[in-house]
PDB file of N, CA and C in Angstrom:
ATOM      1  N   MET A   1      33.526  25.852 148.793  1.00  0.00           N
ATOM      2  CA  MET A   1      33.024  27.039 148.117  1.00  0.00           C
ATOM      3  C   MET A   1      33.436  28.273 148.903  1.00  0.00           C
ATOM      4  N   ASN A   2      33.824  29.303 148.163  1.00  0.00           N
ATOM      5  CA  ASN A   2      34.257  30.566 148.765  1.00  0.00           C
ATOM      6  C   ASN A   2      33.309  31.685 148.352  1.00  0.00           C
ATOM      7  N   GLU A   3      33.133  32.626 149.251  1.00  0.00           N
ATOM      8  CA  GLU A   3      32.313  33.792 148.954  1.00  0.00           C
ATOM      9  C   GLU A   3      33.192  34.889 148.371  1.00  0.00           C
ATOM     10  N   TYR A   4      32.671  35.560 147.343  1.00  0.00           N
ATOM     11  CA  TYR A   4      33.396  36.634 146.664  1.00  0.00           C
ATOM     12  C   TYR A   4      32.486  37.830 146.510  1.00  0.00           C
ATOM     13  N   ARG A   5      33.102  38.981 146.307  1.00  0.00           N
ATOM     14  CA  ARG A   5      32.354  40.191 145.994  1.00  0.00           C
ATOM     15  C   ARG A   5      33.140  40.952 144.935  1.00  0.00           C
ATOM     16  N   ALA A   6      32.449  41.309 143.855  1.00  0.00           N
ATOM     17  CA  ALA A   6      33.047  42.091 142.775  1.00  0.00           C
ATOM     18  C   ALA A   6      32.532  43.518 142.894  1.00  0.00           C
ATOM     19  N   PHE A   7      33.465  44.463 143.037  1.00  0.00           N
ATOM     20  CA  PHE A   7      33.127  45.877 143.172  1.00  0.00           C
ATOM     21  C   PHE A   7      33.402  46.592 141.857  1.00  0.00           C
ATOM     22  N   THR A   8      32.396  47.284 141.328  1.00  0.00           N
ATOM     23  CA  THR A   8      32.578  48.109 140.145  1.00  0.00           C
ATOM     24  C   THR A   8      33.093  49.469 140.601  1.00  0.00           C
ATOM     25  N   ILE A   9      34.198  49.910 139.976  1.00  0.00           N
ATOM     26  CA  ILE A   9      34.834  51.168 140.358  1.00  0.00           C
ATOM     27  C   ILE A   9      34.529  52.216 139.288  1.00  0.00           C
ATOM     28  N   GLY A  10      33.953  53.319 139.711  1.00  0.00           N
ATOM     29  CA  GLY A  10      33.601  54.396 138.786  1.00  0.00           C
ATOM     30  C   GLY A  10      34.817  55.202 138.363  1.00  0.00           C
ATOM     31  N   ASP A  11      34.613  56.090 137.419  1.00  0.00           N
ATOM     32  CA  ASP A  11      35.694  56.934 136.908  1.00  0.00           C
ATOM     33  C   ASP A  11      36.328  57.797 138.001  1.00  0.00           C
ATOM     34  N   ASP A  12      35.569  58.078 139.049  1.00  0.00           N
ATOM     35  CA  ASP A  12      36.101  58.896 140.141  1.00  0.00           C
ATOM     36  C   ASP A  12      36.856  58.075 141.180  1.00  0.00           C
ATOM     37  N   GLY A  13      36.960  56.751 140.943  1.00  0.00           N
ATOM     38  CA  GLY A  13      37.679  55.879 141.862  1.00  0.00           C
ATOM     39  C   GLY A  13      36.851  55.323 143.004  1.00  0.00           C
ATOM     40  N   HIS A  14      35.575  55.664 143.034  1.00  0.00           N
ATOM     41  CA  HIS A  14      34.695  55.185 144.096  1.00  0.00           C
ATOM     42  C   HIS A  14      33.877  53.988 143.615  1.00  0.00           C
ATOM     43  N   ILE A  15      33.451  53.174 144.550  1.00  0.00           N
ATOM     44  CA  ILE A  15      32.622  52.010 144.240  1.00  0.00           C
ATOM     45  C   ILE A  15      31.244  52.489 143.796  1.00  0.00           C
ATOM     46  N   THR A  16      30.794  51.965 142.642  1.00  0.00           N
ATOM     47  CA  THR A  16      29.466  52.334 142.147  1.00  0.00           C
ATOM     48  C   THR A  16      28.446  51.217 142.354  1.00  0.00           C
ATOM     49  N   SER A  17      28.939  49.969 142.430  1.00  0.00           N
ATOM     50  CA  SER A  17      28.046  48.844 142.685  1.00  0.00           C
ATOM     51  C   SER A  17      28.873  47.644 143.097  1.00  0.00           C
ATOM     52  N   SER A  18      28.191  46.609 143.577  1.00  0.00           N
ATOM     53  CA  SER A  18      28.895  45.374 143.921  1.00  0.00           C
ATOM     54  C   SER A  18      27.961  44.185 143.722  1.00  0.00           C
ATOM     55  N   ARG A  19      28.586  43.027 143.502  1.00  0.00           N
ATOM     56  CA  ARG A  19      27.832  41.781 143.333  1.00  0.00           C
ATOM     57  C   ARG A  19      28.498  40.709 144.181  1.00  0.00           C
ATOM     58  N   ALA A  20      27.718  40.020 144.969  1.00  0.00           N
ATOM     59  CA  ALA A  20      28.223  38.910 145.771  1.00  0.00           C
ATOM     60  C   ALA A  20      27.917  37.609 145.038  1.00  0.00           C
ATOM     61  N   PHE A  21      28.842  36.649 145.128  1.00  0.00           N
ATOM     62  CA  PHE A  21      28.632  35.345 144.504  1.00  0.00           C
ATOM     63  C   PHE A  21      29.552  34.325 145.160  1.00  0.00           C
ATOM     64  N   VAL A  22      29.351  33.063 144.828  1.00  0.00           N
ATOM     65  CA  VAL A  22      30.118  31.967 145.400  1.00  0.00           C
ATOM     66  C   VAL A  22      30.767  31.179 144.271  1.00  0.00           C
ATOM     67  N   CYS A  23      32.059  30.846 144.440  1.00  0.00           N
ATOM     68  CA  CYS A  23      32.789  30.014 143.478  1.00  0.00           C
ATOM     69  C   CYS A  23      33.728  29.089 144.237  1.00  0.00           C
ATOM     70  N   GLU A  24      34.216  28.086 143.536  1.00  0.00           N
ATOM     71  CA  GLU A  24      35.125  27.127 144.169  1.00  0.00           C
ATOM     72  C   GLU A  24      36.545  27.655 144.303  1.00  0.00           C
ATOM     73  N   SER A  25      36.972  28.548 143.396  1.00  0.00           N
ATOM     74  CA  SER A  25      38.363  28.985 143.416  1.00  0.00           C
ATOM     75  C   SER A  25      38.467  30.440 142.962  1.00  0.00           C
ATOM     76  N   ASP A  26      39.639  31.031 143.226  1.00  0.00           N
ATOM     77  CA  ASP A  26      39.897  32.393 142.752  1.00  0.00           C
ATOM     78  C   ASP A  26      39.838  32.457 141.231  1.00  0.00           C
ATOM     79  N   GLU A  27      40.342  31.415 140.581  1.00  0.00           N
ATOM     80  CA  GLU A  27      40.342  31.385 139.114  1.00  0.00           C
ATOM     81  C   GLU A  27      38.914  31.403 138.571  1.00  0.00           C
ATOM     82  N   ASP A  28      38.041  30.573 139.150  1.00  0.00           N
ATOM     83  CA  ASP A  28      36.641  30.558 138.718  1.00  0.00           C
ATOM     84  C   ASP A  28      35.966  31.896 138.998  1.00  0.00           C
ATOM     85  N   ALA A  29      36.265  32.485 140.147  1.00  0.00           N
ATOM     86  CA  ALA A  29      35.667  33.774 140.507  1.00  0.00           C
ATOM     87  C   ALA A  29      36.132  34.874 139.558  1.00  0.00           C
ATOM     88  N   THR A  30      37.401  34.802 139.146  1.00  0.00           N
ATOM     89  CA  THR A  30      37.920  35.797 138.207  1.00  0.00           C
ATOM     90  C   THR A  30      37.205  35.698 136.873  1.00  0.00           C
ATOM     91  N   VAL A  31      37.014  34.476 136.386  1.00  0.00           N
ATOM     92  CA  VAL A  31      36.280  34.283 135.130  1.00  0.00           C
ATOM     93  C   VAL A  31      34.860  34.826 135.269  1.00  0.00           C
ATOM     94  N   TRP A  32      34.212  34.541 136.375  1.00  0.00           N
ATOM     95  CA  TRP A  32      32.845  34.990 136.604  1.00  0.00           C
ATOM     96  C   TRP A  32      32.794  36.527 136.636  1.00  0.00           C
ATOM     97  N   ALA A  33      33.748  37.142 137.340  1.00  0.00           N
ATOM     98  CA  ALA A  33      33.737  38.598 137.503  1.00  0.00           C
ATOM     99  C   ALA A  33      34.051  39.329 136.203  1.00  0.00           C
ATOM    100  N   LYS A  34      34.783  38.701 135.288  1.00  0.00           N
ATOM    101  CA  LYS A  34      35.125  39.354 134.020  1.00  0.00           C
ATOM    102  C   LYS A  34      33.890  39.748 133.228  1.00  0.00           C
ATOM    103  N   GLN A  35      32.805  39.013 133.406  1.00  0.00           N
ATOM    104  CA  GLN A  35      31.582  39.342 132.671  1.00  0.00           C
ATOM    105  C   GLN A  35      30.971  40.667 133.130  1.00  0.00           C
ATOM    106  N   LEU A  36      31.409  41.180 134.267  1.00  0.00           N
ATOM    107  CA  LEU A  36      30.876  42.441 134.790  1.00  0.00           C
ATOM    108  C   LEU A  36      31.577  43.671 134.219  1.00  0.00           C
ATOM    109  N   ILE A  37      32.704  43.463 133.538  1.00  0.00           N
ATOM    110  CA  ILE A  37      33.450  44.602 132.992  1.00  0.00           C
ATOM    111  C   ILE A  37      32.623  45.248 131.886  1.00  0.00           C
ATOM    112  N   ASP A  38      32.297  46.510 132.070  1.00  0.00           N
ATOM    113  CA  ASP A  38      31.497  47.241 131.085  1.00  0.00           C
ATOM    114  C   ASP A  38      32.075  48.631 130.865  1.00  0.00           C
ATOM    115  N   GLY A  39      33.397  48.697 130.813  1.00  0.00           N
ATOM    116  CA  GLY A  39      34.047  49.987 130.667  1.00  0.00           C
ATOM    117  C   GLY A  39      34.543  50.539 131.991  1.00  0.00           C
ATOM    118  N   HIS A  40      34.215  49.854 133.071  1.00  0.00           N
ATOM    119  CA  HIS A  40      34.691  50.257 134.393  1.00  0.00           C
ATOM    120  C   HIS A  40      35.526  49.133 134.982  1.00  0.00           C
ATOM    121  N   ASP A  41      36.440  49.506 135.870  1.00  0.00           N
ATOM    122  CA  ASP A  41      37.284  48.517 136.522  1.00  0.00           C
ATOM    123  C   ASP A  41      36.490  47.725 137.547  1.00  0.00           C
ATOM    124  N   ILE A  42      36.976  46.513 137.818  1.00  0.00           N
ATOM    125  CA  ILE A  42      36.367  45.638 138.812  1.00  0.00           C
ATOM    126  C   ILE A  42      37.448  45.235 139.801  1.00  0.00           C
ATOM    127  N   GLU A  43      37.154  45.337 141.088  1.00  0.00           N
ATOM    128  CA  GLU A  43      38.013  44.785 142.124  1.00  0.00           C
ATOM    129  C   GLU A  43      37.320  43.555 142.667  1.00  0.00           C
ATOM    130  N   LEU A  44      38.040  42.452 142.722  1.00  0.00           N
ATOM    131  CA  LEU A  44      37.480  41.196 143.213  1.00  0.00           C
ATOM    132  C   LEU A  44      38.069  40.901 144.584  1.00  0.00           C
ATOM    133  N   TRP A  45      37.187  40.650 145.538  1.00  0.00           N
ATOM    134  CA  TRP A  45      37.579  40.375 146.910  1.00  0.00           C
ATOM    135  C   TRP A  45      36.924  39.087 147.399  1.00  0.00           C
ATOM    136  N   SER A  46      37.600  38.418 148.303  1.00  0.00           N
ATOM    137  CA  SER A  46      37.030  37.291 149.027  1.00  0.00           C
ATOM    138  C   SER A  46      37.134  37.634 150.503  1.00  0.00           C
ATOM    139  N   GLY A  47      36.042  38.096 151.066  1.00  0.00           N
ATOM    140  CA  GLY A  47      36.087  38.616 152.431  1.00  0.00           C
ATOM    141  C   GLY A  47      36.969  39.844 152.472  1.00  0.00           C
ATOM    142  N   GLU A  48      37.965  39.842 153.353  1.00  0.00           N
ATOM    143  CA  GLU A  48      38.897  40.963 153.457  1.00  0.00           C
ATOM    144  C   GLU A  48      40.135  40.771 152.598  1.00  0.00           C
ATOM    145  N   ARG A  49      40.184  39.688 151.827  1.00  0.00           N
ATOM    146  CA  ARG A  49      41.349  39.379 150.993  1.00  0.00           C
ATOM    147  C   ARG A  49      41.131  39.862 149.562  1.00  0.00           C
ATOM    148  N   PHE A  50      42.029  40.742 149.102  1.00  0.00           N
ATOM    149  CA  PHE A  50      41.990  41.211 147.720  1.00  0.00           C
ATOM    150  C   PHE A  50      42.429  40.061 146.818  1.00  0.00           C
ATOM    151  N   VAL A  51      41.654  39.793 145.749  1.00  0.00           N
ATOM    152  CA  VAL A  51      41.972  38.696 144.833  1.00  0.00           C
ATOM    153  C   VAL A  51      42.642  39.230 143.578  1.00  0.00           C
ATOM    154  N   THR A  52      41.969  40.137 142.862  1.00  0.00           N
ATOM    155  CA  THR A  52      42.544  40.673 141.629  1.00  0.00           C
ATOM    156  C   THR A  52      41.802  41.916 141.197  1.00  0.00           C
ATOM    157  N   TRP A  53      42.437  42.611 140.263  1.00  0.00           N
ATOM    158  CA  TRP A  53      41.865  43.794 139.632  1.00  0.00           C
ATOM    159  C   TRP A  53      41.594  43.422 138.178  1.00  0.00           C
ATOM    160  N   LEU A  54      40.434  43.792 137.689  1.00  0.00           N
ATOM    161  CA  LEU A  54      40.045  43.503 136.305  1.00  0.00           C
ATOM    162  C   LEU A  54      39.570  44.788 135.653  1.00  0.00           C
ATOM    163  N   GLY A  55      39.838  44.927 134.386  1.00  0.00           N
ATOM    164  CA  GLY A  55      39.289  46.079 133.689  1.00  0.00           C
ATOM    165  C   GLY A  55      40.186  46.604 132.617  1.00  0.00           C
ATOM    166  N   LYS A  56      39.881  47.821 132.254  1.00  0.00           N
ATOM    167  CA  LYS A  56      40.620  48.470 131.182  1.00  0.00           C
ATOM    168  C   LYS A  56      42.069  48.661 131.612  1.00  0.00           C
ATOM    169  N   PRO A  57      42.993  48.622 130.660  1.00  0.00           N
ATOM    170  CA  PRO A  57      44.398  48.776 131.032  1.00  0.00           C
ATOM    171  C   PRO A  57      44.686  50.180 131.566  1.00  0.00           C
ATOM    172  N   SER A  58      45.671  50.264 132.431  1.00  0.00           N
ATOM    173  CA  SER A  58      46.052  51.564 132.978  1.00  0.00           C
ATOM    174  C   SER A  58      46.690  52.411 131.881  1.00  0.00           C
ATOM    175  N   ARG A  59      46.831  53.681 132.136  1.00  0.00           N
ATOM    176  CA  ARG A  59      47.464  54.571 131.156  1.00  0.00           C
ATOM    177  C   ARG A  59      48.901  54.148 130.894  1.00  0.00           C
ATOM    178  N   THR A  60      49.586  53.657 131.910  1.00  0.00           N
ATOM    179  CA  THR A  60      50.961  53.196 131.728  1.00  0.00           C
ATOM    180  C   THR A  60      50.993  52.010 130.775  1.00  0.00           C
ATOM    181  N   GLU A  61      50.072  51.063 130.959  1.00  0.00           N
ATOM    182  CA  GLU A  61      50.014  49.907 130.070  1.00  0.00           C
ATOM    183  C   GLU A  61      49.660  50.331 128.651  1.00  0.00           C
ATOM    184  N   GLN A  62      48.731  51.275 128.523  1.00  0.00           N
ATOM    185  CA  GLN A  62      48.354  51.768 127.202  1.00  0.00           C
ATOM    186  C   GLN A  62      49.551  52.432 126.523  1.00  0.00           C
ATOM    187  N   ALA A  63      50.286  53.240 127.269  1.00  0.00           N
ATOM    188  CA  ALA A  63      51.462  53.924 126.706  1.00  0.00           C
ATOM    189  C   ALA A  63      52.510  52.901 126.288  1.00  0.00           C
ATOM    190  N   ARG A  64      52.722  51.877 127.113  1.00  0.00           N
ATOM    191  CA  ARG A  64      53.694  50.836 126.789  1.00  0.00           C
ATOM    192  C   ARG A  64      53.307  50.138 125.480  1.00  0.00           C
ATOM    193  N   GLU A  65      52.035  49.854 125.302  1.00  0.00           N
ATOM    194  CA  GLU A  65      51.575  49.206 124.071  1.00  0.00           C
ATOM    195  C   GLU A  65      51.832  50.088 122.857  1.00  0.00           C
ATOM    196  N   VAL A  66      51.571  51.384 122.989  1.00  0.00           N
ATOM    197  CA  VAL A  66      51.795  52.318 121.876  1.00  0.00           C
ATOM    198  C   VAL A  66      53.273  52.365 121.519  1.00  0.00           C
ATOM    199  N   VAL A  67      54.129  52.447 122.533  1.00  0.00           N
ATOM    200  CA  VAL A  67      55.568  52.506 122.291  1.00  0.00           C
ATOM    201  C   VAL A  67      56.060  51.205 121.644  1.00  0.00           C
ATOM    202  N   GLU A  68      55.561  50.072 122.108  1.00  0.00           N
ATOM    203  CA  GLU A  68      55.960  48.791 121.523  1.00  0.00           C
ATOM    204  C   GLU A  68      55.527  48.696 120.055  1.00  0.00           C
ATOM    205  N   GLU A  69      54.317  49.150 119.751  1.00  0.00           N
ATOM    206  CA  GLU A  69      53.845  49.143 118.363  1.00  0.00           C
ATOM    207  C   GLU A  69      54.716  50.054 117.498  1.00  0.00           C
ATOM    208  N   TYR A  70      55.058  51.219 118.018  1.00  0.00           N
ATOM    209  CA  TYR A  70      55.909  52.159 117.294  1.00  0.00           C
ATOM    210  C   TYR A  70      57.278  51.544 117.039  1.00  0.00           C
ATOM    211  N   ALA A  71      57.860  50.903 118.050  1.00  0.00           N
ATOM    212  CA  ALA A  71      59.170  50.262 117.904  1.00  0.00           C
ATOM    213  C   ALA A  71      59.108  49.146 116.864  1.00  0.00           C
ATOM    214  N   ASN A  72      58.046  48.374 116.882  1.00  0.00           N
ATOM    215  CA  ASN A  72      57.886  47.310 115.877  1.00  0.00           C
ATOM    216  C   ASN A  72      57.766  47.894 114.476  1.00  0.00           C
ATOM    217  N   ASP A  73      57.019  48.976 114.344  1.00  0.00           N
ATOM    218  CA  ASP A  73      56.889  49.635 113.042  1.00  0.00           C
ATOM    219  C   ASP A  73      58.249  50.132 112.552  1.00  0.00           C
ATOM    220  N   LEU A  74      59.033  50.727 113.455  1.00  0.00           N
ATOM    221  CA  LEU A  74      60.359  51.207 113.073  1.00  0.00           C
ATOM    222  C   LEU A  74      61.261  50.064 112.611  1.00  0.00           C
ATOM    223  N   ARG A  75      61.188  48.941 113.301  1.00  0.00           N
ATOM    224  CA  ARG A  75      61.993  47.777 112.886  1.00  0.00           C
ATOM    225  C   ARG A  75      61.624  47.326 111.472  1.00  0.00           C
ATOM    226  N   GLU A  76      60.347  47.305 111.201  1.00  0.00           N
ATOM    227  CA  GLU A  76      59.892  46.901 109.870  1.00  0.00           C
ATOM    228  C   GLU A  76      60.359  47.888 108.802  1.00  0.00           C
ATOM    229  N   ILE A  77      60.292  49.162 109.102  1.00  0.00           N
ATOM    230  CA  ILE A  77      60.752  50.192 108.161  1.00  0.00           C
ATOM    231  C   ILE A  77      62.251  50.037 107.913  1.00  0.00           C
ATOM    232  N   GLN A  78      63.015  49.783 108.969  1.00  0.00           N
ATOM    233  CA  GLN A  78      64.461  49.590 108.827  1.00  0.00           C
ATOM    234  C   GLN A  78      64.767  48.363 107.967  1.00  0.00           C
ATOM    235  N   LYS A  79      64.041  47.278 108.188  1.00  0.00           N
ATOM    236  CA  LYS A  79      64.244  46.069 107.376  1.00  0.00           C
ATOM    237  C   LYS A  79      63.968  46.360 105.902  1.00  0.00           C
ATOM    238  N   GLU A  80      62.888  47.054 105.637  1.00  0.00           N
ATOM    239  CA  GLU A  80      62.520  47.384 104.271  1.00  0.00           C
ATOM    240  C   GLU A  80      63.571  48.293 103.640  1.00  0.00           C
ATOM    241  N   PHE A  81      64.038  49.263 104.383  1.00  0.00           N
ATOM    242  CA  PHE A  81      65.059  50.197 103.888  1.00  0.00           C
ATOM    243  C   PHE A  81      66.346  49.445 103.571  1.00  0.00           C
ATOM    244  N   ARG A  82      66.776  48.549 104.450  1.00  0.00           N
ATOM    245  CA  ARG A  82      67.997  47.763 104.228  1.00  0.00           C
ATOM    246  C   ARG A  82      67.857  46.863 102.999  1.00  0.00           C
ATOM    247  N   ARG A  83      66.663  46.296 102.850  1.00  0.00           N
ATOM    248  CA  ARG A  83      66.409  45.422 101.688  1.00  0.00           C
ATOM    249  C   ARG A  83      66.535  46.206 100.388  1.00  0.00           C
ATOM    250  N   LYS A  84      66.037  47.436 100.386  1.00  0.00           N
ATOM    251  CA  LYS A  84      66.119  48.265  99.182  1.00  0.00           C
ATOM    252  C   LYS A  84      67.539  48.706  98.890  1.00  0.00           C
ATOM    253  N   LEU A  85      68.349  48.902  99.933  1.00  0.00           N
ATOM    254  CA  LEU A  85      69.752  49.301  99.739  1.00  0.00           C
ATOM    255  C   LEU A  85      70.592  48.164  99.174  1.00  0.00           C
ATOM    256  N   ASN A  86      70.238  46.944  99.493  1.00  0.00           N
ATOM    257  CA  ASN A  86      71.031  45.784  99.015  1.00  0.00           C
ATOM    258  C   ASN A  86      70.557  45.331  97.699  1.00  0.00           C
TER     259      ASN A  86
END
């Protein structure tokens, strides 16, 4: 069994709270810590070892998703336009 601590990170980037718990593996601890996500990011640590970051997607990830959706929409429009031309 390993000891873990999940830190809730506020909008200002500072720790607002933390929860200590014990799990058998990093994977189990990650699943456990996911339940703490409530609109704020979570940093999961095991002692001094950083395990993972959980939470809302970064602005870069959000932008990438928007661009991918837009590109997919354009492809569909092009397919429809080509179909109408033929």
